[in-house]
Amino acid sequence: MVAIRLLRHAPGAPGLRWLGLGPSLRPSRGLLKLQRLFNHHAFWARQRSYGQLRRLLGGSPVVVSLWRGKRLVGFGRASSDGECRAVLWDVVVAGDLQGRGLGRQVVEGLLNHPRVRGVERVYLMTTNSAGFYEQLGFRPVGTQQLLVRQAGRP
């Protein structure tokens, strides 16, 4: 059995973003693998271009990835002011490996990062996985509303 390894990337994930680095800091076509992980296992992130991936990584101070050998099997990122608020983004695990605690590893990797650990509130948005996140201590907030403004629309 191939070991599963959580990588904690430097802010903005420059190795993954520019060199495609994966485990052992070796080139592994990591950006292509991230694109494939999103395309196959994250309906909200399908068809993101390399440019979009580079920009979202570059703007993310907290990035973790989960590898099984040379296969990228999980990913997550977070933004945070380091004090009051943090938001988890793009948490995804390959569908064939779900139910094995890998999503928990990704989320805990994000929550244990110094920029996220200890903030007053950590937010996330989910469409289909509320039960999973509730197991990790997240709760629905009935007093708040999710509002969205899409680019190019008033």
C-alpha atoms as a PDB file:
ATOM      1  CA  MET A   1       0.000   0.000   0.000  1.00  0.00           C
ATOM      2  CA  VAL A   2       1.313   3.418  -0.939  1.00  0.00           C
ATOM      3  CA  ALA A   3       1.466   5.878   1.954  1.00  0.00           C
ATOM      4  CA  ILE A   4      -0.683   8.995   1.851  1.00  0.00           C
ATOM      5  CA  ARG A   5       1.182  12.218   2.589  1.00  0.00           C
ATOM      6  CA  LEU A   6      -0.138  15.678   3.464  1.00  0.00           C
ATOM      7  CA  LEU A   7       1.937  18.533   2.065  1.00  0.00           C
ATOM      8  CA  ARG A   8       1.784  21.969   3.664  1.00  0.00           C
ATOM      9  CA  HIS A   9       2.762  24.436   0.981  1.00  0.00           C
ATOM     10  CA  ALA A  10       4.457  27.787   1.440  1.00  0.00           C
ATOM     11  CA  PRO A  11       2.079  30.773   1.176  1.00  0.00           C
ATOM     12  CA  GLY A  12       0.856  31.000  -2.394  1.00  0.00           C
ATOM     13  CA  ALA A  13       2.158  27.449  -3.098  1.00  0.00           C
ATOM     14  CA  PRO A  14       4.943  28.670  -5.437  1.00  0.00           C
ATOM     15  CA  GLY A  15       6.396  25.193  -5.947  1.00  0.00           C
ATOM     16  CA  LEU A  16       3.058  23.747  -7.003  1.00  0.00           C
ATOM     17  CA  ARG A  17       2.015  26.896  -8.861  1.00  0.00           C
ATOM     18  CA  TRP A  18       5.129  27.393 -11.009  1.00  0.00           C
ATOM     19  CA  LEU A  19       7.058  24.106 -10.989  1.00  0.00           C
ATOM     20  CA  GLY A  20       4.311  21.542 -10.466  1.00  0.00           C
ATOM     21  CA  LEU A  21       6.113  20.172  -7.425  1.00  0.00           C
ATOM     22  CA  GLY A  22       4.574  17.320  -5.504  1.00  0.00           C
ATOM     23  CA  PRO A  23       5.875  14.939  -2.852  1.00  0.00           C
ATOM     24  CA  SER A  24       9.612  15.021  -2.151  1.00  0.00           C
ATOM     25  CA  LEU A  25       9.741  18.409  -3.925  1.00  0.00           C
ATOM     26  CA  ARG A  26      10.029  16.688  -7.282  1.00  0.00           C
ATOM     27  CA  PRO A  27       8.302  17.917 -10.428  1.00  0.00           C
ATOM     28  CA  SER A  28       5.135  15.865 -10.780  1.00  0.00           C
ATOM     29  CA  ARG A  29       2.914  17.926 -13.091  1.00  0.00           C
ATOM     30  CA  GLY A  30       1.119  19.058  -9.944  1.00  0.00           C
ATOM     31  CA  LEU A  31      -0.867  21.853 -11.591  1.00  0.00           C
ATOM     32  CA  LEU A  32      -2.220  19.436 -14.206  1.00  0.00           C
ATOM     33  CA  LYS A  33      -3.083  16.983 -11.425  1.00  0.00           C
ATOM     34  CA  LEU A  34      -4.871  19.717  -9.493  1.00  0.00           C
ATOM     35  CA  GLN A  35      -6.851  20.625 -12.594  1.00  0.00           C
ATOM     36  CA  ARG A  36      -7.811  16.949 -13.062  1.00  0.00           C
ATOM     37  CA  LEU A  37      -8.790  16.563  -9.391  1.00  0.00           C
ATOM     38  CA  PHE A  38     -11.092  19.576  -9.710  1.00  0.00           C
ATOM     39  CA  ASN A  39     -12.513  18.441 -13.064  1.00  0.00           C
ATOM     40  CA  HIS A  40     -13.367  14.956 -11.809  1.00  0.00           C
ATOM     41  CA  HIS A  41     -14.260  15.522  -8.151  1.00  0.00           C
ATOM     42  CA  ALA A  42     -15.290  19.173  -7.599  1.00  0.00           C
ATOM     43  CA  PHE A  43     -18.357  20.263  -9.551  1.00  0.00           C
ATOM     44  CA  TRP A  44     -17.840  23.906  -8.490  1.00  0.00           C
ATOM     45  CA  ALA A  45     -14.279  24.015  -9.837  1.00  0.00           C
ATOM     46  CA  ARG A  46     -14.552  22.242 -13.176  1.00  0.00           C
ATOM     47  CA  GLN A  47     -12.783  23.736 -16.166  1.00  0.00           C
ATOM     48  CA  ARG A  48     -10.509  26.097 -14.250  1.00  0.00           C
ATOM     49  CA  SER A  49      -7.651  27.110 -16.507  1.00  0.00           C
ATOM     50  CA  TYR A  50      -3.969  26.954 -15.562  1.00  0.00           C
ATOM     51  CA  GLY A  51      -4.037  30.746 -15.261  1.00  0.00           C
ATOM     52  CA  GLN A  52      -6.970  30.627 -12.857  1.00  0.00           C
ATOM     53  CA  LEU A  53      -5.294  27.893 -10.806  1.00  0.00           C
ATOM     54  CA  ARG A  54      -2.074  29.892 -10.600  1.00  0.00           C
ATOM     55  CA  ARG A  55      -3.950  33.009  -9.471  1.00  0.00           C
ATOM     56  CA  LEU A  56      -6.045  31.217  -6.836  1.00  0.00           C
ATOM     57  CA  LEU A  57      -2.949  29.498  -5.456  1.00  0.00           C
ATOM     58  CA  GLY A  58      -1.009  32.758  -5.494  1.00  0.00           C
ATOM     59  CA  GLY A  59      -3.735  34.469  -3.473  1.00  0.00           C
ATOM     60  CA  SER A  60      -3.991  31.719  -0.872  1.00  0.00           C
ATOM     61  CA  PRO A  61      -1.801  32.028   2.216  1.00  0.00           C
ATOM     62  CA  VAL A  62      -2.707  28.497   3.348  1.00  0.00           C
ATOM     63  CA  VAL A  63      -2.555  25.562   0.909  1.00  0.00           C
ATOM     64  CA  VAL A  64      -2.428  21.833   1.603  1.00  0.00           C
ATOM     65  CA  SER A  65      -2.409  18.899  -0.767  1.00  0.00           C
ATOM     66  CA  LEU A  66      -2.729  15.180  -0.154  1.00  0.00           C
ATOM     67  CA  TRP A  67      -0.723  12.700  -2.204  1.00  0.00           C
ATOM     68  CA  ARG A  68      -0.850   8.931  -2.590  1.00  0.00           C
ATOM     69  CA  GLY A  69       2.476   8.267  -4.225  1.00  0.00           C
ATOM     70  CA  LYS A  70       2.527  10.532  -7.274  1.00  0.00           C
ATOM     71  CA  ARG A  71      -1.264  10.855  -7.372  1.00  0.00           C
ATOM     72  CA  LEU A  72      -2.850  14.048  -6.044  1.00  0.00           C
ATOM     73  CA  VAL A  73      -5.852  12.763  -4.051  1.00  0.00           C
ATOM     74  CA  GLY A  74      -6.844  15.763  -1.932  1.00  0.00           C
ATOM     75  CA  PHE A  75      -6.547  19.524  -1.774  1.00  0.00           C
ATOM     76  CA  GLY A  76      -7.691  22.515   0.244  1.00  0.00           C
ATOM     77  CA  ARG A  77      -6.828  26.163   0.756  1.00  0.00           C
ATOM     78  CA  ALA A  78      -7.717  28.941   3.180  1.00  0.00           C
ATOM     79  CA  SER A  79      -7.596  32.687   3.446  1.00  0.00           C
ATOM     80  CA  SER A  80      -7.351  34.406   6.811  1.00  0.00           C
ATOM     81  CA  ASP A  81      -6.557  37.653   8.557  1.00  0.00           C
ATOM     82  CA  GLY A  82      -4.828  35.526  11.198  1.00  0.00           C
ATOM     83  CA  GLU A  83      -6.929  36.928  14.043  1.00  0.00           C
ATOM     84  CA  CYS A  84     -10.687  37.205  13.526  1.00  0.00           C
ATOM     85  CA  ARG A  85     -11.774  35.362  10.387  1.00  0.00           C
ATOM     86  CA  ALA A  86     -10.714  32.574   8.060  1.00  0.00           C
ATOM     87  CA  VAL A  87     -12.447  30.872   5.147  1.00  0.00           C
ATOM     88  CA  LEU A  88     -11.798  27.376   3.822  1.00  0.00           C
ATOM     89  CA  TRP A  89     -11.934  27.022   0.047  1.00  0.00           C
ATOM     90  CA  ASP A  90     -11.885  24.199  -2.502  1.00  0.00           C
ATOM     91  CA  VAL A  91     -11.661  21.265  -0.093  1.00  0.00           C
ATOM     92  CA  VAL A  92     -11.773  18.159  -2.274  1.00  0.00           C
ATOM     93  CA  VAL A  93     -10.843  14.469  -2.043  1.00  0.00           C
ATOM     94  CA  ALA A  94     -10.881  12.010  -4.940  1.00  0.00           C
ATOM     95  CA  GLY A  95     -14.223  10.216  -4.932  1.00  0.00           C
ATOM     96  CA  ASP A  96     -12.769   6.702  -4.923  1.00  0.00           C
ATOM     97  CA  LEU A  97     -10.919   7.480  -1.666  1.00  0.00           C
ATOM     98  CA  GLN A  98     -13.691   9.262   0.239  1.00  0.00           C
ATOM     99  CA  GLY A  99     -14.780   7.746   3.532  1.00  0.00           C
ATOM    100  CA  ARG A 100     -11.209   6.948   4.629  1.00  0.00           C
ATOM    101  CA  GLY A 101     -10.493  10.039   6.729  1.00  0.00           C
ATOM    102  CA  LEU A 102      -8.664  11.917   3.975  1.00  0.00           C
ATOM    103  CA  GLY A 103     -11.067  14.863   3.973  1.00  0.00           C
ATOM    104  CA  ARG A 104     -10.523  15.138   7.713  1.00  0.00           C
ATOM    105  CA  GLN A 105      -6.760  15.239   7.102  1.00  0.00           C
ATOM    106  CA  VAL A 106      -7.142  18.068   4.583  1.00  0.00           C
ATOM    107  CA  VAL A 107      -9.454  20.116   6.833  1.00  0.00           C
ATOM    108  CA  GLU A 108      -7.303  19.551   9.923  1.00  0.00           C
ATOM    109  CA  GLY A 109      -4.214  20.508   7.909  1.00  0.00           C
ATOM    110  CA  LEU A 110      -5.901  23.823   7.122  1.00  0.00           C
ATOM    111  CA  LEU A 111      -7.287  24.404  10.626  1.00  0.00           C
ATOM    112  CA  ASN A 112      -3.924  23.670  12.277  1.00  0.00           C
ATOM    113  CA  HIS A 113      -2.029  26.176  10.148  1.00  0.00           C
ATOM    114  CA  PRO A 114      -0.757  29.154  12.229  1.00  0.00           C
ATOM    115  CA  ARG A 115      -2.724  31.654  10.077  1.00  0.00           C
ATOM    116  CA  VAL A 116      -5.984  29.805  10.788  1.00  0.00           C
ATOM    117  CA  ARG A 117      -5.487  28.199  14.194  1.00  0.00           C
ATOM    118  CA  GLY A 118      -7.030  30.342  16.920  1.00  0.00           C
ATOM    119  CA  VAL A 119      -9.064  32.740  14.753  1.00  0.00           C
ATOM    120  CA  GLU A 120     -12.481  33.621  16.178  1.00  0.00           C
ATOM    121  CA  ARG A 121     -14.469  32.126  13.291  1.00  0.00           C
ATOM    122  CA  VAL A 122     -13.686  29.812  10.408  1.00  0.00           C
ATOM    123  CA  TYR A 123     -16.236  29.862   7.598  1.00  0.00           C
ATOM    124  CA  LEU A 124     -16.873  27.517   4.700  1.00  0.00           C
ATOM    125  CA  MET A 125     -19.552  26.996   2.109  1.00  0.00           C
ATOM    126  CA  THR A 126     -20.791  23.593   1.024  1.00  0.00           C
ATOM    127  CA  THR A 127     -23.570  22.310  -1.167  1.00  0.00           C
ATOM    128  CA  ASN A 128     -23.611  18.596  -0.392  1.00  0.00           C
ATOM    129  CA  SER A 129     -21.257  17.929   2.526  1.00  0.00           C
ATOM    130  CA  ALA A 130     -22.727  19.689   5.569  1.00  0.00           C
ATOM    131  CA  GLY A 131     -22.881  16.412   7.524  1.00  0.00           C
ATOM    132  CA  PHE A 132     -19.173  15.804   6.989  1.00  0.00           C
ATOM    133  CA  TYR A 133     -18.225  19.293   8.192  1.00  0.00           C
ATOM    134  CA  GLU A 134     -20.553  19.066  11.183  1.00  0.00           C
ATOM    135  CA  GLN A 135     -18.538  16.004  12.310  1.00  0.00           C
ATOM    136  CA  LEU A 136     -15.521  18.324  12.362  1.00  0.00           C
ATOM    137  CA  GLY A 137     -17.197  20.942  14.565  1.00  0.00           C
ATOM    138  CA  PHE A 138     -18.751  23.261  11.973  1.00  0.00           C
ATOM    139  CA  ARG A 139     -22.348  24.341  12.568  1.00  0.00           C
ATOM    140  CA  PRO A 140     -25.023  25.935  10.400  1.00  0.00           C
ATOM    141  CA  VAL A 141     -25.574  29.603  11.194  1.00  0.00           C
ATOM    142  CA  GLY A 142     -29.254  30.483  11.024  1.00  0.00           C
ATOM    143  CA  THR A 143     -28.695  34.167  11.661  1.00  0.00           C
ATOM    144  CA  GLN A 144     -26.518  34.729   8.595  1.00  0.00           C
ATOM    145  CA  GLN A 145     -27.238  34.624   4.903  1.00  0.00           C
ATOM    146  CA  LEU A 146     -24.970  33.693   2.052  1.00  0.00           C
ATOM    147  CA  LEU A 147     -24.941  36.443  -0.551  1.00  0.00           C
ATOM    148  CA  VAL A 148     -23.213  36.171  -3.911  1.00  0.00           C
ATOM    149  CA  ARG A 149     -22.253  38.767  -6.496  1.00  0.00           C
ATOM    150  CA  GLN A 150     -21.052  37.380  -9.808  1.00  0.00           C
ATOM    151  CA  ALA A 151     -18.530  39.170 -11.966  1.00  0.00           C
ATOM    152  CA  GLY A 152     -20.043  41.393 -14.619  1.00  0.00           C
ATOM    153  CA  ARG A 153     -23.442  41.593 -12.978  1.00  0.00           C
ATOM    154  CA  PRO A 154     -24.766  44.480 -10.899  1.00  0.00           C
END
